């Protein structure tokens, strides 16, 4: 999915969310969940992480492949109390700081966030149960060098597909920290929010497309 800065800004304002535009490196960190896949666990990095900010008074915009949802292994084998987490779309002001995820710097959760809890252990996302807290460890981090499958790279975290993209993202976050301190806001949108705010048409996946994703996963499993 590819977006423009203008589409993201228009959607944020349509939702009534804060849009940071005063000063250089005042970051708008915005994830976009692929609404077209519905409640199916695709196990793919088919979401988008975007970053909008000014540098020397000029707007900059980046977008990278990511996942905002758990993968197959996380959904089937996750051990989190109450069920596997995935973030409820919303704006979370001051929810992150630069901290340590495992062994490297990433954005780590410090503020309250709401997550769905799914304990069904099937390949569909269940959104019946929501919990809110600041201790879930819903971090923004990276997968591998260029990962194909999400698996358990995410059990609620927002995860970049490629480490080089994540490294570029973190370099910009460190610049922002020098100016505004170690606090970052995060917003999660649905791609349908962007479609609605910008008059675009959102198309649900066909049965053939869903079957193709399942077939790719099966083929990959056989190769392992």
N, C-alpha and C. Protein backbone atom coordinates (compact mmCIF):
# COMPACT_ATOMS: atom_id res chain seq x y z
N UNK A 1 0.84 -1.20 0.00
CA UNK A 1 0.00 0.00 0.00
C UNK A 1 0.87 1.24 0.00
N UNK A 2 0.59 2.16 -0.89
CA UNK A 2 1.34 3.40 -0.97
C UNK A 2 0.42 4.58 -0.73
N UNK A 3 0.91 5.52 0.07
CA UNK A 3 0.12 6.68 0.44
C UNK A 3 0.93 7.94 0.18
N UNK A 4 0.26 9.08 0.29
CA UNK A 4 0.94 10.37 0.21
C UNK A 4 0.82 11.06 1.56
N UNK A 5 1.71 12.00 1.79
CA UNK A 5 1.64 12.79 3.02
C UNK A 5 0.28 13.47 3.13
N UNK A 6 -0.22 13.98 2.01
CA UNK A 6 -1.50 14.69 2.02
C UNK A 6 -2.65 13.78 2.43
N UNK A 7 -2.62 12.54 1.97
CA UNK A 7 -3.67 11.58 2.35
C UNK A 7 -3.63 11.28 3.85
N UNK A 8 -2.43 11.10 4.37
CA UNK A 8 -2.29 10.81 5.80
C UNK A 8 -2.75 12.01 6.63
N UNK A 9 -2.31 13.20 6.27
CA UNK A 9 -2.70 14.40 7.01
C UNK A 9 -4.22 14.60 6.99
N UNK A 10 -4.81 14.44 5.83
CA UNK A 10 -6.26 14.63 5.71
C UNK A 10 -7.01 13.63 6.57
N UNK A 11 -6.54 12.39 6.60
CA UNK A 11 -7.19 11.36 7.40
C UNK A 11 -7.06 11.65 8.89
N UNK A 12 -5.87 12.05 9.32
CA UNK A 12 -5.66 12.37 10.73
C UNK A 12 -6.59 13.49 11.18
N UNK A 13 -6.71 14.50 10.38
CA UNK A 13 -7.58 15.63 10.75
C UNK A 13 -9.05 15.24 10.70
N UNK A 14 -9.41 14.38 9.75
CA UNK A 14 -10.80 13.91 9.67
C UNK A 14 -11.18 13.08 10.89
N UNK A 15 -10.21 12.37 11.46
CA UNK A 15 -10.44 11.55 12.65
C UNK A 15 -10.39 12.37 13.94
N UNK A 16 -9.99 13.63 13.82
CA UNK A 16 -9.88 14.49 15.00
C UNK A 16 -8.63 14.23 15.82
N UNK A 17 -7.60 13.63 15.19
CA UNK A 17 -6.35 13.33 15.88
C UNK A 17 -5.39 14.50 15.79
N UNK A 18 -4.43 14.53 16.71
CA UNK A 18 -3.40 15.56 16.69
C UNK A 18 -2.49 15.34 15.48
N UNK A 19 -2.19 16.45 14.79
CA UNK A 19 -1.26 16.42 13.67
C UNK A 19 -0.15 17.41 14.00
N UNK A 20 1.06 16.92 14.17
CA UNK A 20 2.16 17.75 14.64
C UNK A 20 2.84 18.44 13.45
N UNK A 21 2.78 19.78 13.43
CA UNK A 21 3.33 20.51 12.30
C UNK A 21 4.16 21.72 12.71
N UNK A 22 4.33 21.94 14.01
CA UNK A 22 5.14 23.06 14.47
C UNK A 22 6.55 22.61 14.80
N UNK A 23 7.53 23.15 14.09
CA UNK A 23 8.93 22.84 14.37
C UNK A 23 9.46 21.65 13.58
N UNK A 24 10.77 21.63 13.43
CA UNK A 24 11.44 20.53 12.74
C UNK A 24 11.43 19.26 13.60
N UNK A 25 11.35 18.12 12.96
CA UNK A 25 11.42 16.80 13.60
C UNK A 25 10.34 16.60 14.67
N UNK A 26 9.19 17.26 14.48
CA UNK A 26 8.03 17.01 15.34
C UNK A 26 7.26 15.87 14.67
N UNK A 27 7.53 14.64 15.08
CA UNK A 27 7.19 13.46 14.30
C UNK A 27 5.72 13.05 14.39
N UNK A 28 5.17 12.71 13.23
CA UNK A 28 3.88 12.03 13.12
C UNK A 28 4.17 10.59 12.73
N UNK A 29 4.17 9.70 13.72
CA UNK A 29 4.44 8.28 13.50
C UNK A 29 3.09 7.58 13.38
N UNK A 30 2.80 7.09 12.18
CA UNK A 30 1.45 6.60 11.90
C UNK A 30 1.52 5.25 11.18
N UNK A 31 0.98 4.23 11.82
CA UNK A 31 0.85 2.93 11.19
C UNK A 31 -0.48 2.83 10.46
N UNK A 32 -0.49 2.09 9.38
CA UNK A 32 -1.73 1.88 8.61
C UNK A 32 -1.96 0.38 8.47
N UNK A 33 -3.01 -0.10 9.09
CA UNK A 33 -3.38 -1.52 9.01
C UNK A 33 -4.18 -1.78 7.74
N UNK A 34 -3.85 -2.84 7.05
CA UNK A 34 -4.51 -3.20 5.79
C UNK A 34 -5.92 -3.74 6.06
N UNK A 35 -6.92 -2.90 5.84
CA UNK A 35 -8.31 -3.29 6.11
C UNK A 35 -8.82 -4.33 5.12
N UNK A 36 -8.18 -4.42 3.97
CA UNK A 36 -8.68 -5.29 2.91
C UNK A 36 -8.57 -6.78 3.26
N UNK A 37 -7.72 -7.10 4.22
CA UNK A 37 -7.57 -8.51 4.59
C UNK A 37 -8.59 -8.94 5.65
N UNK A 38 -9.38 -8.00 6.16
CA UNK A 38 -10.42 -8.35 7.12
C UNK A 38 -9.85 -8.95 8.39
N UNK A 39 -10.45 -10.05 8.85
CA UNK A 39 -9.98 -10.68 10.09
C UNK A 39 -9.06 -11.87 9.84
N UNK A 40 -8.56 -12.01 8.61
CA UNK A 40 -7.70 -13.13 8.24
C UNK A 40 -6.26 -12.86 8.69
N UNK A 41 -5.63 -13.83 9.32
CA UNK A 41 -4.21 -13.73 9.67
C UNK A 41 -3.39 -14.07 8.43
N UNK A 42 -2.89 -13.06 7.75
CA UNK A 42 -2.18 -13.29 6.48
C UNK A 42 -0.74 -13.76 6.70
N UNK A 43 -0.17 -13.44 7.87
CA UNK A 43 1.22 -13.78 8.17
C UNK A 43 2.19 -13.01 7.29
N UNK A 44 1.73 -11.90 6.70
CA UNK A 44 2.54 -11.09 5.80
C UNK A 44 2.78 -9.70 6.40
N UNK A 45 3.84 -9.07 5.94
CA UNK A 45 4.10 -7.67 6.29
C UNK A 45 3.33 -6.80 5.31
N UNK A 46 2.00 -6.82 5.44
CA UNK A 46 1.15 -6.14 4.47
C UNK A 46 0.51 -4.87 5.02
N UNK A 47 1.09 -4.34 6.10
CA UNK A 47 0.69 -3.04 6.63
C UNK A 47 1.78 -2.03 6.29
N UNK A 48 1.60 -0.79 6.73
CA UNK A 48 2.54 0.28 6.37
C UNK A 48 2.84 1.15 7.59
N UNK A 49 4.11 1.46 7.79
CA UNK A 49 4.50 2.43 8.79
C UNK A 49 4.89 3.72 8.07
N UNK A 50 4.28 4.83 8.47
CA UNK A 50 4.58 6.11 7.83
C UNK A 50 5.17 7.07 8.85
N UNK A 51 5.93 8.02 8.33
CA UNK A 51 6.55 9.03 9.17
C UNK A 51 6.51 10.36 8.43
N UNK A 52 5.88 11.35 9.06
CA UNK A 52 5.74 12.68 8.46
C UNK A 52 6.29 13.72 9.43
N UNK A 53 7.11 14.64 8.92
CA UNK A 53 7.73 15.66 9.77
C UNK A 53 8.35 16.72 8.89
N UNK A 54 8.75 17.82 9.52
CA UNK A 54 9.44 18.88 8.80
C UNK A 54 10.94 18.86 9.13
N UNK A 55 11.74 19.16 8.13
CA UNK A 55 13.18 19.35 8.31
C UNK A 55 13.56 20.62 7.57
N UNK A 56 14.13 21.59 8.28
CA UNK A 56 14.43 22.90 7.72
C UNK A 56 13.18 23.53 7.10
N UNK A 57 12.04 23.28 7.77
CA UNK A 57 10.78 23.89 7.35
C UNK A 57 10.09 23.18 6.20
N UNK A 58 10.71 22.14 5.64
CA UNK A 58 10.14 21.42 4.50
C UNK A 58 9.62 20.06 4.95
N UNK A 59 8.41 19.71 4.50
CA UNK A 59 7.82 18.43 4.90
C UNK A 59 8.59 17.25 4.30
N UNK A 60 8.80 16.22 5.11
CA UNK A 60 9.39 14.96 4.69
C UNK A 60 8.37 13.85 4.96
N UNK A 61 8.37 12.85 4.09
CA UNK A 61 7.42 11.75 4.24
C UNK A 61 8.10 10.44 3.88
N UNK A 62 7.97 9.45 4.77
CA UNK A 62 8.50 8.12 4.53
C UNK A 62 7.40 7.09 4.77
N UNK A 63 7.50 5.97 4.05
CA UNK A 63 6.60 4.85 4.31
C UNK A 63 7.37 3.55 4.08
N UNK A 64 7.13 2.60 4.99
CA UNK A 64 7.87 1.35 4.97
C UNK A 64 6.93 0.18 5.21
N UNK A 65 7.27 -0.98 4.66
CA UNK A 65 6.50 -2.21 4.88
C UNK A 65 6.66 -2.64 6.34
N UNK A 66 5.53 -3.05 6.93
CA UNK A 66 5.52 -3.42 8.35
C UNK A 66 4.33 -4.32 8.62
N UNK A 67 4.22 -4.76 9.86
CA UNK A 67 3.00 -5.41 10.31
C UNK A 67 2.53 -4.75 11.60
N UNK A 68 1.24 -4.61 11.74
CA UNK A 68 0.65 -4.10 12.98
C UNK A 68 -0.12 -5.21 13.70
N UNK A 69 0.03 -6.44 13.19
CA UNK A 69 -0.72 -7.58 13.73
C UNK A 69 0.21 -8.78 13.91
N UNK A 70 -0.14 -9.68 14.81
CA UNK A 70 0.65 -10.90 14.99
C UNK A 70 0.60 -11.79 13.74
N UNK A 71 1.61 -12.66 13.65
CA UNK A 71 1.65 -13.62 12.56
C UNK A 71 1.10 -14.97 12.97
N UNK A 72 1.29 -15.94 12.10
CA UNK A 72 0.72 -17.29 12.30
C UNK A 72 1.23 -17.94 13.59
N UNK A 73 2.53 -17.94 13.78
CA UNK A 73 3.09 -18.60 14.96
C UNK A 73 2.65 -17.88 16.24
N UNK A 74 2.64 -16.55 16.19
CA UNK A 74 2.20 -15.79 17.35
C UNK A 74 0.76 -16.08 17.72
N UNK A 75 -0.09 -16.20 16.71
CA UNK A 75 -1.51 -16.45 16.97
C UNK A 75 -1.77 -17.86 17.49
N UNK A 76 -1.02 -18.84 16.98
CA UNK A 76 -1.26 -20.23 17.35
C UNK A 76 -0.51 -20.66 18.61
N UNK A 77 0.63 -20.00 18.89
CA UNK A 77 1.47 -20.45 20.00
C UNK A 77 1.73 -19.38 21.06
N UNK A 78 1.19 -18.17 20.88
CA UNK A 78 1.44 -17.08 21.83
C UNK A 78 0.99 -17.44 23.24
N UNK A 79 1.76 -16.99 24.23
CA UNK A 79 1.49 -17.36 25.62
C UNK A 79 1.06 -16.17 26.49
N UNK A 80 0.74 -15.04 25.89
CA UNK A 80 0.35 -13.87 26.67
C UNK A 80 -0.93 -14.13 27.45
N UNK A 81 -0.95 -13.67 28.69
CA UNK A 81 -2.12 -13.86 29.54
C UNK A 81 -3.33 -13.16 28.94
N UNK A 82 -4.42 -13.88 28.80
CA UNK A 82 -5.64 -13.31 28.26
C UNK A 82 -5.77 -13.41 26.76
N UNK A 83 -4.68 -13.85 26.09
CA UNK A 83 -4.71 -13.99 24.64
C UNK A 83 -3.70 -13.09 23.95
N UNK A 84 -3.42 -13.39 22.70
CA UNK A 84 -2.46 -12.62 21.91
C UNK A 84 -3.01 -11.21 21.69
N UNK A 85 -2.13 -10.22 21.81
CA UNK A 85 -2.54 -8.83 21.68
C UNK A 85 -2.36 -8.32 20.26
N UNK A 86 -3.25 -7.42 19.84
CA UNK A 86 -2.99 -6.59 18.68
C UNK A 86 -3.68 -5.24 18.90
N UNK A 87 -3.00 -4.17 18.51
CA UNK A 87 -3.36 -2.82 18.90
C UNK A 87 -4.70 -2.39 18.30
N UNK A 88 -5.51 -1.75 19.14
CA UNK A 88 -6.77 -1.15 18.70
C UNK A 88 -6.44 0.16 17.98
N UNK A 89 -6.93 0.37 16.75
CA UNK A 89 -6.65 1.64 16.06
C UNK A 89 -7.10 2.84 16.88
N UNK A 90 -6.18 3.78 17.07
CA UNK A 90 -6.44 4.98 17.86
C UNK A 90 -5.17 5.81 17.85
N UNK A 91 -5.23 6.99 18.47
CA UNK A 91 -4.02 7.79 18.67
C UNK A 91 -3.58 7.66 20.12
N UNK A 92 -2.29 7.37 20.30
CA UNK A 92 -1.73 7.14 21.63
C UNK A 92 -0.64 8.19 21.88
N UNK A 93 -1.04 9.28 22.55
CA UNK A 93 -0.14 10.40 22.77
C UNK A 93 0.90 10.05 23.84
N UNK A 94 2.17 10.32 23.54
CA UNK A 94 3.24 10.08 24.49
C UNK A 94 3.39 8.65 24.95
N UNK A 95 3.02 7.70 24.10
CA UNK A 95 2.99 6.29 24.50
C UNK A 95 4.35 5.60 24.39
N UNK A 96 5.31 6.24 23.72
CA UNK A 96 6.59 5.57 23.45
C UNK A 96 7.80 6.40 23.86
N UNK A 97 8.89 5.71 24.06
CA UNK A 97 10.20 6.32 24.28
C UNK A 97 11.23 5.44 23.59
N UNK A 98 12.42 5.99 23.40
CA UNK A 98 13.52 5.16 22.91
C UNK A 98 14.06 4.36 24.09
N UNK A 99 14.01 3.05 23.96
CA UNK A 99 14.47 2.15 25.00
C UNK A 99 15.10 0.93 24.36
N UNK A 100 15.22 -0.13 25.11
CA UNK A 100 15.86 -1.34 24.62
C UNK A 100 14.81 -2.43 24.39
N UNK A 101 14.75 -2.92 23.16
CA UNK A 101 13.94 -4.10 22.81
C UNK A 101 14.92 -5.25 22.60
N UNK A 102 14.86 -6.24 23.47
CA UNK A 102 15.83 -7.34 23.44
C UNK A 102 17.25 -6.79 23.63
N UNK A 103 17.98 -6.57 22.54
CA UNK A 103 19.38 -6.13 22.68
C UNK A 103 19.67 -4.82 21.94
N UNK A 104 18.68 -4.16 21.36
CA UNK A 104 18.95 -2.97 20.56
C UNK A 104 17.91 -1.89 20.84
N UNK A 105 18.24 -0.66 20.43
CA UNK A 105 17.32 0.46 20.65
C UNK A 105 16.12 0.37 19.72
N UNK A 106 14.97 0.64 20.28
CA UNK A 106 13.72 0.66 19.54
C UNK A 106 12.79 1.62 20.26
N UNK A 107 11.58 1.79 19.76
CA UNK A 107 10.57 2.53 20.51
C UNK A 107 9.85 1.54 21.42
N UNK A 108 9.88 1.81 22.71
CA UNK A 108 9.28 0.91 23.69
C UNK A 108 8.10 1.59 24.36
N UNK A 109 7.09 0.80 24.69
CA UNK A 109 5.87 1.35 25.27
C UNK A 109 6.11 1.91 26.66
N UNK A 110 5.59 3.13 26.90
CA UNK A 110 5.64 3.73 28.23
C UNK A 110 4.29 4.28 28.67
N UNK A 111 3.34 4.38 27.76
CA UNK A 111 2.03 4.94 28.07
C UNK A 111 0.92 3.96 27.79
N UNK A 112 -0.27 4.32 28.20
CA UNK A 112 -1.41 3.42 28.03
C UNK A 112 -1.77 3.22 26.56
N UNK A 113 -2.05 1.96 26.24
CA UNK A 113 -2.53 1.60 24.92
C UNK A 113 -3.61 0.55 25.07
N UNK A 114 -4.52 0.51 24.12
CA UNK A 114 -5.58 -0.50 24.13
C UNK A 114 -5.28 -1.57 23.10
N UNK A 115 -5.50 -2.81 23.49
CA UNK A 115 -5.26 -3.94 22.59
C UNK A 115 -6.45 -4.89 22.61
N UNK A 116 -6.68 -5.52 21.48
CA UNK A 116 -7.58 -6.66 21.43
C UNK A 116 -6.85 -7.86 22.03
N UNK A 117 -7.58 -8.75 22.67
CA UNK A 117 -7.00 -9.99 23.18
C UNK A 117 -7.71 -11.18 22.53
N UNK A 118 -6.95 -11.98 21.83
CA UNK A 118 -7.51 -13.11 21.08
C UNK A 118 -6.92 -14.41 21.61
N UNK A 119 -7.75 -15.23 22.24
CA UNK A 119 -7.28 -16.52 22.77
C UNK A 119 -7.91 -17.71 22.04
N UNK A 120 -8.39 -17.46 20.81
CA UNK A 120 -9.08 -18.51 20.06
C UNK A 120 -8.11 -19.49 19.39
N UNK A 121 -6.87 -19.07 19.20
CA UNK A 121 -5.83 -19.89 18.56
C UNK A 121 -6.28 -20.45 17.20
N UNK A 122 -6.87 -19.57 16.43
CA UNK A 122 -7.19 -19.93 15.05
C UNK A 122 -6.54 -18.89 14.14
N UNK A 123 -6.85 -18.91 12.87
CA UNK A 123 -6.21 -18.00 11.93
C UNK A 123 -7.12 -16.83 11.56
N UNK A 124 -7.92 -16.41 12.54
CA UNK A 124 -8.75 -15.22 12.36
C UNK A 124 -8.63 -14.34 13.60
N UNK A 125 -8.59 -13.02 13.38
CA UNK A 125 -8.49 -12.08 14.48
C UNK A 125 -9.86 -11.89 15.13
N UNK A 126 -9.89 -12.09 16.43
CA UNK A 126 -11.11 -11.92 17.21
C UNK A 126 -11.01 -10.58 17.96
N UNK A 127 -12.03 -9.73 17.81
CA UNK A 127 -11.98 -8.38 18.38
C UNK A 127 -13.02 -8.16 19.47
N UNK A 128 -13.42 -9.24 20.14
CA UNK A 128 -14.47 -9.13 21.15
C UNK A 128 -13.97 -8.60 22.49
N UNK A 129 -12.68 -8.82 22.80
CA UNK A 129 -12.15 -8.45 24.11
C UNK A 129 -11.06 -7.39 23.97
N UNK A 130 -11.19 -6.29 24.74
CA UNK A 130 -10.22 -5.20 24.71
C UNK A 130 -9.71 -4.95 26.13
N UNK A 131 -8.41 -4.79 26.26
CA UNK A 131 -7.81 -4.40 27.54
C UNK A 131 -6.93 -3.17 27.31
N UNK A 132 -6.71 -2.40 28.37
CA UNK A 132 -5.91 -1.18 28.28
C UNK A 132 -4.87 -1.17 29.40
N UNK A 133 -3.63 -0.83 29.05
CA UNK A 133 -2.58 -0.76 30.06
C UNK A 133 -1.29 -0.21 29.48
N UNK A 134 -0.32 0.06 30.36
CA UNK A 134 0.96 0.60 29.89
C UNK A 134 2.11 -0.37 30.12
N UNK A 135 1.78 -1.63 30.37
CA UNK A 135 2.81 -2.62 30.70
C UNK A 135 2.83 -3.79 29.71
N UNK A 136 2.24 -3.63 28.55
CA UNK A 136 2.11 -4.75 27.62
C UNK A 136 3.37 -5.02 26.80
N UNK A 137 4.28 -4.06 26.73
CA UNK A 137 5.46 -4.25 25.88
C UNK A 137 5.14 -4.22 24.40
N UNK A 138 4.18 -3.37 24.03
CA UNK A 138 3.81 -3.22 22.61
C UNK A 138 4.83 -2.27 21.98
N UNK A 139 5.95 -2.81 21.55
CA UNK A 139 7.06 -2.00 21.05
C UNK A 139 7.00 -1.82 19.53
N UNK A 140 7.78 -0.87 19.06
CA UNK A 140 7.96 -0.68 17.61
C UNK A 140 9.40 -1.09 17.31
N UNK A 141 9.57 -2.21 16.63
CA UNK A 141 10.91 -2.76 16.42
C UNK A 141 11.02 -3.37 15.02
N UNK A 142 12.06 -4.14 14.79
CA UNK A 142 12.33 -4.69 13.46
C UNK A 142 12.22 -6.21 13.48
N UNK A 143 12.04 -6.76 12.28
CA UNK A 143 12.12 -8.22 12.10
C UNK A 143 13.57 -8.53 11.69
N UNK A 144 13.76 -9.27 10.59
CA UNK A 144 15.10 -9.61 10.14
C UNK A 144 15.62 -8.65 9.09
N UNK A 145 16.61 -9.09 8.33
CA UNK A 145 17.19 -8.24 7.30
C UNK A 145 16.14 -7.86 6.26
N UNK A 146 15.33 -8.83 5.86
CA UNK A 146 14.21 -8.59 4.95
C UNK A 146 13.27 -9.79 5.08
N UNK A 147 12.45 -9.78 6.10
CA UNK A 147 11.64 -10.94 6.44
C UNK A 147 10.44 -11.09 5.51
N UNK A 148 10.08 -12.32 5.23
CA UNK A 148 8.92 -12.62 4.39
C UNK A 148 7.67 -12.86 5.23
N UNK A 149 7.80 -13.67 6.28
CA UNK A 149 6.67 -14.07 7.11
C UNK A 149 6.76 -13.43 8.49
N UNK A 150 5.62 -13.05 9.02
CA UNK A 150 5.58 -12.40 10.33
C UNK A 150 5.84 -13.42 11.44
N UNK A 151 5.18 -14.57 11.37
CA UNK A 151 5.29 -15.63 12.38
C UNK A 151 5.15 -15.03 13.79
N UNK A 152 6.18 -15.12 14.64
CA UNK A 152 6.07 -14.49 15.96
C UNK A 152 7.00 -13.29 16.12
N UNK A 153 7.38 -12.66 15.00
CA UNK A 153 8.06 -11.37 15.10
C UNK A 153 7.15 -10.38 15.82
N UNK A 154 5.84 -10.56 15.63
CA UNK A 154 4.88 -9.72 16.35
C UNK A 154 3.91 -10.60 17.13
N UNK A 155 3.78 -10.27 18.42
CA UNK A 155 2.68 -10.78 19.23
C UNK A 155 1.98 -9.57 19.84
N UNK A 156 1.86 -8.54 19.00
CA UNK A 156 1.25 -7.28 19.41
C UNK A 156 2.08 -6.08 18.99
N UNK A 157 3.40 -6.27 18.84
CA UNK A 157 4.29 -5.18 18.47
C UNK A 157 4.05 -4.72 17.02
N UNK A 158 4.48 -3.49 16.75
CA UNK A 158 4.47 -2.95 15.39
C UNK A 158 5.86 -3.20 14.84
N UNK A 159 5.97 -3.95 13.75
CA UNK A 159 7.27 -4.50 13.36
C UNK A 159 7.60 -4.17 11.90
N UNK A 160 8.78 -3.59 11.71
CA UNK A 160 9.28 -3.30 10.36
C UNK A 160 9.72 -4.59 9.68
N UNK A 161 9.44 -4.69 8.40
CA UNK A 161 9.85 -5.87 7.60
C UNK A 161 11.37 -5.91 7.41
N UNK A 162 11.99 -4.76 7.21
CA UNK A 162 13.42 -4.70 6.88
C UNK A 162 14.19 -3.92 7.94
N UNK A 163 15.33 -4.44 8.32
CA UNK A 163 16.10 -3.75 9.35
C UNK A 163 16.66 -2.42 8.85
N UNK A 164 16.99 -2.30 7.57
CA UNK A 164 17.52 -1.02 7.09
C UNK A 164 16.46 0.08 7.17
N UNK A 165 15.19 -0.27 6.95
CA UNK A 165 14.10 0.71 7.09
C UNK A 165 13.97 1.13 8.54
N UNK A 166 14.01 0.15 9.43
CA UNK A 166 13.91 0.44 10.86
C UNK A 166 15.07 1.33 11.31
N UNK A 167 16.27 1.05 10.83
CA UNK A 167 17.43 1.86 11.21
C UNK A 167 17.27 3.31 10.77
N UNK A 168 16.73 3.51 9.57
CA UNK A 168 16.49 4.87 9.09
C UNK A 168 15.45 5.57 9.97
N UNK A 169 14.40 4.84 10.33
CA UNK A 169 13.36 5.36 11.22
C UNK A 169 13.94 5.78 12.57
N UNK A 170 14.77 4.92 13.15
CA UNK A 170 15.34 5.22 14.46
C UNK A 170 16.29 6.41 14.41
N UNK A 171 17.02 6.58 13.33
CA UNK A 171 17.91 7.74 13.20
C UNK A 171 17.10 9.03 13.30
N UNK A 172 15.93 9.04 12.67
CA UNK A 172 15.08 10.23 12.71
C UNK A 172 14.49 10.42 14.11
N UNK A 173 14.11 9.33 14.76
CA UNK A 173 13.60 9.42 16.13
C UNK A 173 14.65 9.99 17.07
N UNK A 174 15.91 9.62 16.89
CA UNK A 174 16.97 10.15 17.75
C UNK A 174 17.15 11.65 17.53
N UNK A 175 16.98 12.11 16.30
CA UNK A 175 17.03 13.54 16.04
C UNK A 175 15.90 14.26 16.77
N UNK A 176 14.72 13.66 16.75
CA UNK A 176 13.57 14.27 17.43
C UNK A 176 13.78 14.30 18.95
N UNK A 177 14.41 13.27 19.48
CA UNK A 177 14.66 13.21 20.93
C UNK A 177 15.53 14.38 21.40
N UNK A 178 16.48 14.80 20.59
CA UNK A 178 17.35 15.91 20.95
C UNK A 178 16.57 17.20 21.13
N UNK A 179 15.44 17.32 20.44
CA UNK A 179 14.66 18.56 20.45
C UNK A 179 13.52 18.50 21.46
N UNK A 180 12.80 17.38 21.47
CA UNK A 180 11.55 17.30 22.24
C UNK A 180 11.62 16.37 23.45
N UNK A 181 12.76 15.72 23.66
CA UNK A 181 12.86 14.77 24.75
C UNK A 181 12.43 13.38 24.33
N UNK A 182 12.52 12.46 25.25
CA UNK A 182 12.31 11.05 24.93
C UNK A 182 10.85 10.64 25.09
N UNK A 183 10.01 11.20 24.25
CA UNK A 183 8.58 10.86 24.27
C UNK A 183 8.04 10.97 22.85
N UNK A 184 7.31 9.92 22.43
CA UNK A 184 6.81 9.85 21.06
C UNK A 184 5.36 9.39 21.06
N UNK A 185 4.56 10.00 20.20
CA UNK A 185 3.17 9.57 20.03
C UNK A 185 3.07 8.63 18.84
N UNK A 186 2.06 7.78 18.88
CA UNK A 186 1.84 6.82 17.79
C UNK A 186 0.36 6.76 17.48
N UNK A 187 0.04 6.71 16.20
CA UNK A 187 -1.33 6.57 15.75
C UNK A 187 -1.43 5.35 14.84
N UNK A 188 -2.45 4.55 15.07
CA UNK A 188 -2.74 3.42 14.18
C UNK A 188 -4.04 3.69 13.47
N UNK A 189 -3.98 3.75 12.15
CA UNK A 189 -5.15 3.92 11.29
C UNK A 189 -5.48 2.60 10.61
N UNK A 190 -6.71 2.49 10.15
CA UNK A 190 -7.10 1.45 9.19
C UNK A 190 -6.97 2.05 7.79
N UNK A 191 -6.59 1.22 6.81
CA UNK A 191 -6.51 1.74 5.45
C UNK A 191 -7.87 2.24 4.97
N UNK A 192 -8.94 1.67 5.52
CA UNK A 192 -10.28 2.15 5.15
C UNK A 192 -10.52 3.57 5.64
N UNK A 193 -9.85 3.98 6.74
CA UNK A 193 -9.96 5.37 7.19
C UNK A 193 -9.42 6.32 6.13
N UNK A 194 -8.31 5.93 5.50
CA UNK A 194 -7.71 6.75 4.46
C UNK A 194 -8.60 6.79 3.23
N UNK A 195 -9.15 5.62 2.88
CA UNK A 195 -10.07 5.56 1.75
C UNK A 195 -11.27 6.49 1.97
N UNK A 196 -11.85 6.42 3.16
CA UNK A 196 -13.04 7.21 3.46
C UNK A 196 -12.74 8.71 3.49
N UNK A 197 -11.62 9.08 4.07
CA UNK A 197 -11.29 10.50 4.20
C UNK A 197 -10.90 11.13 2.87
N UNK A 198 -10.41 10.30 1.94
CA UNK A 198 -9.91 10.82 0.67
C UNK A 198 -10.76 10.43 -0.53
N UNK A 199 -11.95 9.86 -0.26
CA UNK A 199 -12.85 9.50 -1.35
C UNK A 199 -12.35 8.38 -2.23
N UNK A 200 -11.56 7.47 -1.65
CA UNK A 200 -11.04 6.34 -2.40
C UNK A 200 -11.95 5.13 -2.22
N UNK A 201 -11.82 4.16 -3.10
CA UNK A 201 -12.65 2.95 -3.04
C UNK A 201 -11.86 1.85 -2.36
N UNK A 202 -12.42 1.27 -1.30
CA UNK A 202 -11.78 0.15 -0.60
C UNK A 202 -12.43 -1.15 -1.06
N UNK A 203 -11.60 -2.09 -1.54
CA UNK A 203 -12.12 -3.34 -2.08
C UNK A 203 -11.71 -4.50 -1.19
N UNK A 204 -12.68 -5.31 -0.78
CA UNK A 204 -12.39 -6.48 0.05
C UNK A 204 -11.67 -7.53 -0.78
N UNK A 205 -10.84 -8.36 -0.16
CA UNK A 205 -10.11 -9.38 -0.92
C UNK A 205 -11.06 -10.42 -1.48
N UNK A 206 -10.77 -10.87 -2.69
CA UNK A 206 -11.59 -11.91 -3.29
C UNK A 206 -11.23 -13.25 -2.67
N UNK A 207 -12.08 -14.26 -2.88
CA UNK A 207 -11.78 -15.60 -2.39
C UNK A 207 -10.51 -16.15 -3.03
N UNK A 208 -10.28 -15.77 -4.29
CA UNK A 208 -9.08 -16.23 -4.99
C UNK A 208 -7.82 -15.66 -4.35
N UNK A 209 -7.87 -14.36 -3.95
CA UNK A 209 -6.73 -13.72 -3.31
C UNK A 209 -6.44 -14.35 -1.96
N UNK A 210 -7.49 -14.61 -1.19
CA UNK A 210 -7.33 -15.25 0.12
C UNK A 210 -6.74 -16.64 -0.03
N UNK A 211 -7.19 -17.37 -1.08
CA UNK A 211 -6.69 -18.72 -1.33
C UNK A 211 -5.22 -18.67 -1.73
N UNK A 212 -4.81 -17.61 -2.47
CA UNK A 212 -3.43 -17.49 -2.91
C UNK A 212 -2.50 -17.28 -1.71
N UNK A 213 -2.91 -16.44 -0.74
CA UNK A 213 -2.11 -16.23 0.47
C UNK A 213 -1.91 -17.53 1.21
N UNK A 214 -3.00 -18.30 1.37
CA UNK A 214 -2.93 -19.58 2.07
C UNK A 214 -2.02 -20.55 1.35
N UNK A 215 -2.07 -20.53 0.01
CA UNK A 215 -1.24 -21.42 -0.78
C UNK A 215 0.24 -21.08 -0.63
N UNK A 216 0.57 -19.78 -0.59
CA UNK A 216 1.96 -19.35 -0.43
C UNK A 216 2.51 -19.81 0.91
N UNK A 217 1.70 -19.69 1.95
CA UNK A 217 2.14 -20.12 3.28
C UNK A 217 2.40 -21.62 3.30
N UNK A 218 1.51 -22.39 2.66
CA UNK A 218 1.66 -23.83 2.65
C UNK A 218 2.93 -24.24 1.93
N UNK A 219 3.23 -23.57 0.80
CA UNK A 219 4.43 -23.87 0.03
C UNK A 219 5.67 -23.55 0.83
N UNK A 220 5.65 -22.38 1.54
CA UNK A 220 6.79 -22.00 2.36
C UNK A 220 7.06 -22.99 3.46
N UNK A 221 6.01 -23.50 4.10
CA UNK A 221 6.15 -24.47 5.19
C UNK A 221 6.80 -25.75 4.71
N UNK A 222 6.46 -26.17 3.50
CA UNK A 222 7.01 -27.41 2.96
C UNK A 222 8.51 -27.29 2.69
N UNK A 223 8.97 -26.05 2.42
CA UNK A 223 10.37 -25.84 2.09
C UNK A 223 11.24 -25.86 3.33
N UNK A 224 10.65 -25.61 4.49
CA UNK A 224 11.43 -25.52 5.72
C UNK A 224 11.93 -26.88 6.17
